[in-house]
N, C-alpha and C. Protein backbone atom coordinates (compact mmCIF):
# COMPACT_ATOMS: atom_id res chain seq x y z
N MET A 1 0.86 -1.20 0.00
CA MET A 1 0.00 0.00 0.00
C MET A 1 0.89 1.25 0.00
N ASP A 2 0.65 2.14 -0.93
CA ASP A 2 1.49 3.34 -0.99
C ASP A 2 1.04 4.36 0.06
N ALA A 3 1.84 5.39 0.24
CA ALA A 3 1.59 6.37 1.31
C ALA A 3 0.26 7.09 1.11
N ALA A 4 -0.07 7.42 -0.13
CA ALA A 4 -1.31 8.16 -0.39
C ALA A 4 -2.53 7.30 -0.02
N ALA A 5 -2.50 6.03 -0.40
CA ALA A 5 -3.62 5.14 -0.09
C ALA A 5 -3.73 4.94 1.42
N ARG A 6 -2.59 4.82 2.10
CA ARG A 6 -2.60 4.64 3.56
C ARG A 6 -3.18 5.88 4.23
N HIS A 7 -2.80 7.06 3.72
CA HIS A 7 -3.33 8.31 4.27
C HIS A 7 -4.84 8.39 4.10
N ASP A 8 -5.31 8.05 2.89
CA ASP A 8 -6.75 8.06 2.63
C ASP A 8 -7.47 7.08 3.55
N ARG A 9 -6.87 5.93 3.77
CA ARG A 9 -7.50 4.93 4.64
C ARG A 9 -7.58 5.43 6.07
N LEU A 10 -6.49 6.04 6.54
CA LEU A 10 -6.49 6.58 7.89
C LEU A 10 -7.51 7.70 8.05
N MET A 11 -7.70 8.48 7.00
CA MET A 11 -8.64 9.61 7.06
C MET A 11 -10.09 9.18 6.81
N GLY A 12 -10.28 7.89 6.53
CA GLY A 12 -11.64 7.40 6.34
C GLY A 12 -12.19 7.64 4.95
N LYS A 13 -11.35 8.05 4.00
CA LYS A 13 -11.85 8.40 2.67
C LYS A 13 -12.14 7.17 1.81
N HIS A 14 -11.65 6.00 2.26
CA HIS A 14 -11.93 4.79 1.49
C HIS A 14 -13.34 4.27 1.75
N MET A 15 -14.00 4.82 2.79
CA MET A 15 -15.33 4.34 3.15
C MET A 15 -16.39 5.23 2.50
N PRO A 16 -17.47 4.63 2.01
CA PRO A 16 -18.57 5.46 1.55
C PRO A 16 -19.15 6.23 2.73
N LEU A 17 -19.64 7.43 2.49
CA LEU A 17 -20.10 8.28 3.59
C LEU A 17 -21.25 7.65 4.38
N SER A 18 -22.04 6.79 3.73
CA SER A 18 -23.17 6.20 4.42
C SER A 18 -22.73 5.30 5.58
N THR A 19 -21.48 4.80 5.54
CA THR A 19 -21.02 3.90 6.60
C THR A 19 -20.36 4.67 7.75
N VAL A 20 -20.12 5.97 7.58
CA VAL A 20 -19.48 6.75 8.63
C VAL A 20 -20.55 7.16 9.65
N ASP A 21 -20.29 6.84 10.91
CA ASP A 21 -21.24 7.19 11.97
C ASP A 21 -21.29 8.71 12.09
N PRO A 22 -22.46 9.34 11.91
CA PRO A 22 -22.55 10.80 11.94
C PRO A 22 -22.20 11.41 13.29
N SER A 23 -22.21 10.60 14.36
CA SER A 23 -21.90 11.16 15.67
C SER A 23 -20.39 11.26 15.89
N TRP A 24 -19.59 10.66 14.99
CA TRP A 24 -18.14 10.77 15.14
C TRP A 24 -17.68 12.16 14.76
N PRO A 25 -16.59 12.63 15.37
CA PRO A 25 -16.09 13.97 15.00
C PRO A 25 -15.70 14.04 13.54
N ALA A 26 -15.82 15.23 12.99
CA ALA A 26 -15.52 15.45 11.57
C ALA A 26 -14.08 15.08 11.25
N VAL A 27 -13.18 15.25 12.21
CA VAL A 27 -11.76 14.97 11.97
C VAL A 27 -11.57 13.49 11.64
N LEU A 28 -12.26 12.60 12.35
CA LEU A 28 -12.08 11.17 12.13
C LEU A 28 -12.68 10.72 10.81
N SER A 29 -13.78 11.34 10.38
CA SER A 29 -14.41 10.91 9.15
C SER A 29 -13.75 11.54 7.92
N GLY A 30 -12.84 12.51 8.15
CA GLY A 30 -12.15 13.13 7.04
C GLY A 30 -12.99 14.19 6.34
N ASN A 31 -14.11 14.58 6.93
CA ASN A 31 -14.99 15.57 6.31
C ASN A 31 -15.01 16.84 7.14
N ARG A 32 -15.07 17.97 6.47
CA ARG A 32 -15.28 19.24 7.17
C ARG A 32 -16.79 19.41 7.35
N GLN A 33 -17.21 19.72 8.56
CA GLN A 33 -18.63 19.91 8.79
C GLN A 33 -18.90 21.38 9.10
N LEU A 34 -20.01 21.87 8.62
CA LEU A 34 -20.44 23.21 9.00
C LEU A 34 -20.96 23.15 10.43
N PRO A 35 -20.90 24.26 11.16
CA PRO A 35 -21.31 24.23 12.57
C PRO A 35 -22.70 23.65 12.81
N GLU A 36 -23.64 23.92 11.89
CA GLU A 36 -25.00 23.41 12.12
C GLU A 36 -25.09 21.89 11.92
N GLN A 37 -24.04 21.28 11.33
CA GLN A 37 -24.05 19.83 11.12
C GLN A 37 -23.41 19.08 12.28
N VAL A 38 -22.73 19.79 13.17
CA VAL A 38 -22.05 19.13 14.28
C VAL A 38 -23.09 18.70 15.30
N PRO A 39 -23.07 17.44 15.72
CA PRO A 39 -24.05 16.99 16.72
C PRO A 39 -23.96 17.84 17.99
N GLN A 40 -25.10 18.03 18.65
CA GLN A 40 -25.18 18.93 19.79
C GLN A 40 -24.27 18.51 20.93
N HIS A 41 -24.11 17.19 21.16
CA HIS A 41 -23.31 16.76 22.31
C HIS A 41 -21.84 17.14 22.12
N GLN A 42 -21.36 17.19 20.87
CA GLN A 42 -19.97 17.60 20.65
C GLN A 42 -19.77 19.05 21.05
N THR A 43 -20.74 19.90 20.70
CA THR A 43 -20.66 21.32 21.04
C THR A 43 -20.61 21.47 22.55
N GLY A 44 -21.42 20.68 23.27
CA GLY A 44 -21.44 20.74 24.72
C GLY A 44 -20.10 20.34 25.32
N ILE A 45 -19.52 19.27 24.81
CA ILE A 45 -18.23 18.80 25.32
C ILE A 45 -17.16 19.86 25.09
N LYS A 46 -17.18 20.49 23.92
CA LYS A 46 -16.20 21.52 23.61
C LYS A 46 -16.37 22.71 24.56
N ALA A 47 -17.62 23.10 24.82
CA ALA A 47 -17.87 24.23 25.72
C ALA A 47 -17.36 23.94 27.13
N VAL A 48 -17.57 22.71 27.60
CA VAL A 48 -17.09 22.33 28.93
C VAL A 48 -15.58 22.38 28.98
N ALA A 49 -14.92 21.87 27.93
CA ALA A 49 -13.46 21.88 27.89
C ALA A 49 -12.91 23.31 27.92
N ILE A 50 -13.54 24.19 27.15
CA ILE A 50 -13.10 25.60 27.12
C ILE A 50 -13.31 26.24 28.49
N ALA A 51 -14.45 25.95 29.13
CA ALA A 51 -14.72 26.52 30.45
C ALA A 51 -13.69 26.06 31.47
N LYS A 52 -13.36 24.76 31.45
CA LYS A 52 -12.36 24.23 32.39
C LYS A 52 -11.01 24.89 32.14
N LEU A 53 -10.63 25.03 30.88
CA LEU A 53 -9.35 25.65 30.54
C LEU A 53 -9.32 27.09 31.02
N THR A 54 -10.42 27.81 30.86
CA THR A 54 -10.50 29.21 31.29
C THR A 54 -10.31 29.32 32.80
N VAL A 55 -11.00 28.46 33.55
CA VAL A 55 -10.88 28.48 35.01
C VAL A 55 -9.46 28.16 35.43
N THR A 56 -8.86 27.14 34.82
CA THR A 56 -7.48 26.75 35.14
C THR A 56 -6.53 27.91 34.86
N THR A 57 -6.71 28.57 33.73
CA THR A 57 -5.84 29.69 33.36
C THR A 57 -5.97 30.83 34.36
N ARG A 58 -7.20 31.15 34.76
CA ARG A 58 -7.41 32.21 35.74
C ARG A 58 -6.74 31.87 37.06
N ARG A 59 -6.89 30.62 37.48
CA ARG A 59 -6.31 30.19 38.75
C ARG A 59 -4.78 30.29 38.67
N ALA A 60 -4.22 29.89 37.54
CA ALA A 60 -2.76 29.95 37.38
C ALA A 60 -2.27 31.40 37.42
N ARG A 61 -3.03 32.30 36.83
CA ARG A 61 -2.61 33.71 36.83
C ARG A 61 -2.65 34.30 38.23
N ARG A 62 -3.64 33.87 39.04
CA ARG A 62 -3.74 34.39 40.40
C ARG A 62 -2.57 33.93 41.26
N THR A 63 -2.11 32.68 41.05
CA THR A 63 -1.11 32.09 41.94
C THR A 63 0.30 32.17 41.38
N ASN A 64 0.45 32.46 40.08
CA ASN A 64 1.77 32.40 39.45
C ASN A 64 2.17 33.79 38.95
N PRO A 65 3.15 34.44 39.59
CA PRO A 65 3.53 35.79 39.17
C PRO A 65 4.09 35.85 37.75
N ILE A 66 4.74 34.77 37.30
CA ILE A 66 5.31 34.76 35.95
C ILE A 66 4.17 34.76 34.92
N ALA A 67 3.14 33.98 35.17
CA ALA A 67 1.98 33.96 34.27
C ALA A 67 1.33 35.35 34.24
N GLU A 68 1.34 36.04 35.36
CA GLU A 68 0.77 37.39 35.44
C GLU A 68 1.57 38.34 34.54
N ILE A 69 2.89 38.22 34.55
CA ILE A 69 3.75 39.09 33.74
C ILE A 69 3.54 38.79 32.25
N MET A 70 3.41 37.51 31.93
CA MET A 70 3.33 37.10 30.52
C MET A 70 1.92 37.26 29.95
N ARG A 71 0.95 37.61 30.77
CA ARG A 71 -0.45 37.67 30.33
C ARG A 71 -0.63 38.68 29.20
N ASP A 72 -1.43 38.29 28.25
CA ASP A 72 -1.72 39.17 27.12
C ASP A 72 -2.99 39.94 27.44
N ASP A 73 -2.90 41.23 27.65
CA ASP A 73 -4.07 42.04 27.98
C ASP A 73 -4.79 42.44 26.71
N SER A 74 -5.66 41.56 26.25
CA SER A 74 -6.39 41.87 25.02
C SER A 74 -7.86 41.96 25.32
């Protein structure tokens, strides 16, 4: 199997779209999805991850003077 065929196989392009589970992330199926096509539970998971990261970052800035100096005030 050549590199291009292996890449296509890894990206899921060898499979007809009907066999790809629509609940899988777009990255795994090799397809770009518009925001309205993304299943709702994925959006929720992403929002939770961003919220956790935000809280962690705030906590680090409060306790770490170096992070305070390096903070980008935008």
